[in-house]
C-alpha atoms as a PDB file:
ATOM      1  CA  MET A   1     106.051  -3.965 -42.129  1.00  0.00           C
ATOM      2  CA  SER A   2     109.623  -2.818 -41.671  1.00  0.00           C
ATOM      3  CA  THR A   3     111.777  -2.401 -44.753  1.00  0.00           C
ATOM      4  CA  ASP A   4     114.355  -4.635 -43.023  1.00  0.00           C
ATOM      5  CA  ASN A   5     111.962  -7.601 -43.399  1.00  0.00           C
ATOM      6  CA  LEU A   6     111.282  -7.143 -47.122  1.00  0.00           C
ATOM      7  CA  PRO A   7     112.883  -9.713 -49.440  1.00  0.00           C
ATOM      8  CA  LYS A   8     115.355  -8.872 -52.189  1.00  0.00           C
ATOM      9  CA  CYS A   9     114.042  -8.865 -55.736  1.00  0.00           C
ATOM     10  CA  PRO A  10     114.442 -12.299 -57.376  1.00  0.00           C
ATOM     11  CA  GLY A  11     114.944 -10.562 -60.732  1.00  0.00           C
ATOM     12  CA  CYS A  12     117.782  -8.111 -60.056  1.00  0.00           C
ATOM     13  CA  GLN A  13     118.739  -8.986 -56.433  1.00  0.00           C
ATOM     14  CA  GLU A  14     118.291  -5.348 -55.303  1.00  0.00           C
ATOM     15  CA  ASP A  15     116.681  -4.549 -51.942  1.00  0.00           C
ATOM     16  CA  MET A  16     114.412  -1.807 -53.318  1.00  0.00           C
ATOM     17  CA  THR A  17     111.162  -3.781 -52.866  1.00  0.00           C
ATOM     18  CA  TYR A  18     107.846  -2.595 -51.486  1.00  0.00           C
ATOM     19  CA  PRO A  19     104.459  -4.240 -50.885  1.00  0.00           C
ATOM     20  CA  ASP A  20     101.642  -3.371 -53.317  1.00  0.00           C
ATOM     21  CA  GLY A  21      98.384  -5.157 -52.552  1.00  0.00           C
ATOM     22  CA  ALA A  22      99.036  -8.910 -52.675  1.00  0.00           C
ATOM     23  CA  ASN A  23     102.427  -8.504 -54.412  1.00  0.00           C
ATOM     24  CA  TYR A  24     105.919  -7.275 -53.758  1.00  0.00           C
ATOM     25  CA  VAL A  25     107.247  -4.885 -56.414  1.00  0.00           C
ATOM     26  CA  CYS A  26     110.865  -4.010 -57.167  1.00  0.00           C
ATOM     27  CA  ALA A  27     111.377  -0.275 -57.673  1.00  0.00           C
ATOM     28  CA  GLN A  28     114.626  -0.965 -59.541  1.00  0.00           C
ATOM     29  CA  CYS A  29     113.471  -3.346 -62.314  1.00  0.00           C
ATOM     30  CA  GLY A  30     109.676  -3.472 -61.919  1.00  0.00           C
ATOM     31  CA  HIS A  31     109.525  -7.229 -61.212  1.00  0.00           C
ATOM     32  CA  GLU A  32     106.403  -8.313 -59.269  1.00  0.00           C
ATOM     33  CA  TRP A  33     105.827 -11.506 -57.275  1.00  0.00           C
ATOM     34  CA  PRO A  34     103.215 -12.666 -54.748  1.00  0.00           C
ATOM     35  CA  ILE A  35     103.809 -11.874 -51.096  1.00  0.00           C
ATOM     36  CA  THR A  36     102.564 -15.361 -50.153  1.00  0.00           C
ATOM     37  CA  ALA A  37     104.937 -17.129 -52.574  1.00  0.00           C
ATOM     38  CA  THR A  38     107.463 -19.571 -51.190  1.00  0.00           C
ATOM     39  CA  ALA A  39     111.061 -19.567 -52.371  1.00  0.00           C
ATOM     40  CA  GLU A  40     110.355 -22.439 -54.769  1.00  0.00           C
ATOM     41  CA  GLU A  41     107.405 -20.609 -56.325  1.00  0.00           C
ATOM     42  CA  ILE A  42     109.334 -17.418 -57.070  1.00  0.00           C
ATOM     43  CA  GLU A  43     110.304 -17.416 -60.718  1.00  0.00           C
ATOM     44  CA  ILE A  44     113.650 -15.802 -61.300  1.00  0.00           C
ATOM     45  CA  GLY A  45     113.020 -12.873 -63.592  1.00  0.00           C
ATOM     46  CA  LEU A  46     115.084 -12.352 -66.701  1.00  0.00           C
ATOM     47  CA  ILE A  47     117.848  -9.808 -66.447  1.00  0.00           C
ATOM     48  CA  VAL A  48     118.051  -8.128 -69.845  1.00  0.00           C
ATOM     49  CA  LYS A  49     120.025  -4.944 -70.475  1.00  0.00           C
ATOM     50  CA  ASP A  50     119.813  -2.581 -73.435  1.00  0.00           C
ATOM     51  CA  ALA A  51     122.769  -1.259 -75.459  1.00  0.00           C
ATOM     52  CA  ASN A  52     123.504   1.335 -72.743  1.00  0.00           C
ATOM     53  CA  GLY A  53     123.374  -1.155 -69.856  1.00  0.00           C
ATOM     54  CA  ASN A  54     119.922  -0.122 -68.565  1.00  0.00           C
ATOM     55  CA  LEU A  55     117.682  -2.884 -67.206  1.00  0.00           C
ATOM     56  CA  LEU A  56     114.702  -3.663 -69.418  1.00  0.00           C
ATOM     57  CA  ALA A  57     111.343  -4.848 -68.079  1.00  0.00           C
ATOM     58  CA  ASP A  58     108.095  -6.076 -69.592  1.00  0.00           C
ATOM     59  CA  GLY A  59     106.048  -3.157 -70.935  1.00  0.00           C
ATOM     60  CA  ASP A  60     108.990  -0.812 -71.515  1.00  0.00           C
ATOM     61  CA  THR A  61     109.271   1.409 -74.577  1.00  0.00           C
ATOM     62  CA  VAL A  62     112.522   1.062 -76.526  1.00  0.00           C
ATOM     63  CA  THR A  63     114.146   2.695 -79.559  1.00  0.00           C
ATOM     64  CA  LEU A  64     116.247   1.018 -82.256  1.00  0.00           C
ATOM     65  CA  ILE A  65     119.877   2.172 -82.338  1.00  0.00           C
ATOM     66  CA  LYS A  66     120.606   0.872 -85.858  1.00  0.00           C
ATOM     67  CA  ASP A  67     118.788  -0.182 -89.023  1.00  0.00           C
ATOM     68  CA  LEU A  68     117.740  -3.829 -88.857  1.00  0.00           C
ATOM     69  CA  LYS A  69     116.822  -5.927 -91.895  1.00  0.00           C
ATOM     70  CA  VAL A  70     113.847  -8.173 -91.267  1.00  0.00           C
ATOM     71  CA  LYS A  71     114.839 -11.760 -92.062  1.00  0.00           C
ATOM     72  CA  GLY A  72     112.792 -13.258 -94.881  1.00  0.00           C
ATOM     73  CA  SER A  73     111.481  -9.872 -96.006  1.00  0.00           C
ATOM     74  CA  SER A  74     112.634  -6.812 -97.920  1.00  0.00           C
ATOM     75  CA  THR A  75     111.548  -4.617 -94.979  1.00  0.00           C
ATOM     76  CA  THR A  76     114.047  -2.703 -92.865  1.00  0.00           C
ATOM     77  CA  LEU A  77     113.348  -1.347 -89.390  1.00  0.00           C
ATOM     78  CA  LYS A  78     114.891   2.123 -89.299  1.00  0.00           C
ATOM     79  CA  VAL A  79     117.073   3.592 -86.575  1.00  0.00           C
ATOM     80  CA  GLY A  80     115.015   5.655 -84.117  1.00  0.00           C
ATOM     81  CA  THR A  81     111.893   3.494 -84.450  1.00  0.00           C
ATOM     82  CA  LYS A  82     110.040   3.409 -81.121  1.00  0.00           C
ATOM     83  CA  ILE A  83     108.650   0.088 -79.982  1.00  0.00           C
ATOM     84  CA  LYS A  84     106.111   0.129 -77.138  1.00  0.00           C
ATOM     85  CA  GLY A  85     105.095  -2.629 -74.750  1.00  0.00           C
ATOM     86  CA  ILE A  86     107.981  -5.064 -75.092  1.00  0.00           C
ATOM     87  CA  ARG A  87     107.951  -8.512 -73.477  1.00  0.00           C
ATOM     88  CA  LEU A  88     111.122 -10.216 -72.253  1.00  0.00           C
ATOM     89  CA  VAL A  89     111.691 -13.845 -73.208  1.00  0.00           C
ATOM     90  CA  SER A  90     114.571 -16.254 -72.721  1.00  0.00           C
ATOM     91  CA  GLY A  91     116.838 -17.136 -75.605  1.00  0.00           C
ATOM     92  CA  ASP A  92     119.231 -15.451 -78.015  1.00  0.00           C
ATOM     93  CA  HIS A  93     116.660 -12.807 -79.018  1.00  0.00           C
ATOM     94  CA  GLU A  94     115.467 -11.522 -75.642  1.00  0.00           C
ATOM     95  CA  VAL A  95     112.761  -9.021 -76.655  1.00  0.00           C
ATOM     96  CA  ASP A  96     109.362  -9.997 -78.088  1.00  0.00           C
ATOM     97  CA  CYS A  97     107.534  -7.028 -79.617  1.00  0.00           C
ATOM     98  CA  LYS A  98     105.131  -5.760 -82.244  1.00  0.00           C
ATOM     99  CA  THR A  99     106.471  -3.386 -84.896  1.00  0.00           C
ATOM    100  CA  GLU A 100     105.025  -1.908 -88.074  1.00  0.00           C
ATOM    101  CA  ALA A 101     106.535  -4.951 -89.827  1.00  0.00           C
ATOM    102  CA  GLY A 102     104.665  -7.382 -87.531  1.00  0.00           C
ATOM    103  CA  SER A 103     105.503  -9.366 -84.390  1.00  0.00           C
ATOM    104  CA  MET A 104     109.144 -10.310 -83.981  1.00  0.00           C
ATOM    105  CA  LEU A 105     111.976 -11.127 -81.615  1.00  0.00           C
ATOM    106  CA  LEU A 106     114.872  -8.671 -81.303  1.00  0.00           C
ATOM    107  CA  LYS A 107     118.221  -8.681 -79.552  1.00  0.00           C
ATOM    108  CA  ALA A 108     118.472  -6.212 -76.677  1.00  0.00           C
ATOM    109  CA  CYS A 109     121.900  -5.017 -77.869  1.00  0.00           C
ATOM    110  CA  PHE A 110     120.169  -3.166 -80.753  1.00  0.00           C
ATOM    111  CA  LEU A 111     117.745  -1.335 -78.440  1.00  0.00           C
ATOM    112  CA  LYS A 112     117.894   1.506 -75.953  1.00  0.00           C
ATOM    113  CA  LYS A 113     115.335   2.249 -73.274  1.00  0.00           C
ATOM    114  CA  ALA A 114     113.230   5.305 -74.135  1.00  0.00           C
END
C-alpha cells in the first residue's frame, strides 16, 4: 500500500500513519483505529497536551511539575512524582491515573511527559 493512500490520523490530523496488522497506527500520537472502519466508526481521539505542549497518549508516563494537594485528604502529591500508564478521558481533568494516593483524575497542565 502506498503511503499516499493512507488516511490522516483522526486524533491529531497528522499524516504519519502506518498499517499494523488490522489497524492503522499514528506515529505522531500513537492513536490506533481499525483499517476496515468507516468514517462514522472512527472515534476522534482526544488531543491532550502536557505543560510543555507535548501530545499525551494512553499509556504514557508523566511527571508532576508541582505539588498537588489531594482533595478530601491530607495527602500531597510531590513534584517529580512519576505516574505510569495514564489514560486520557474527556472533561476538565483529562488524565485518569493511579498514584500512591490511589486512583484519581489530574489536569494535564500539571504534568510533563517523561
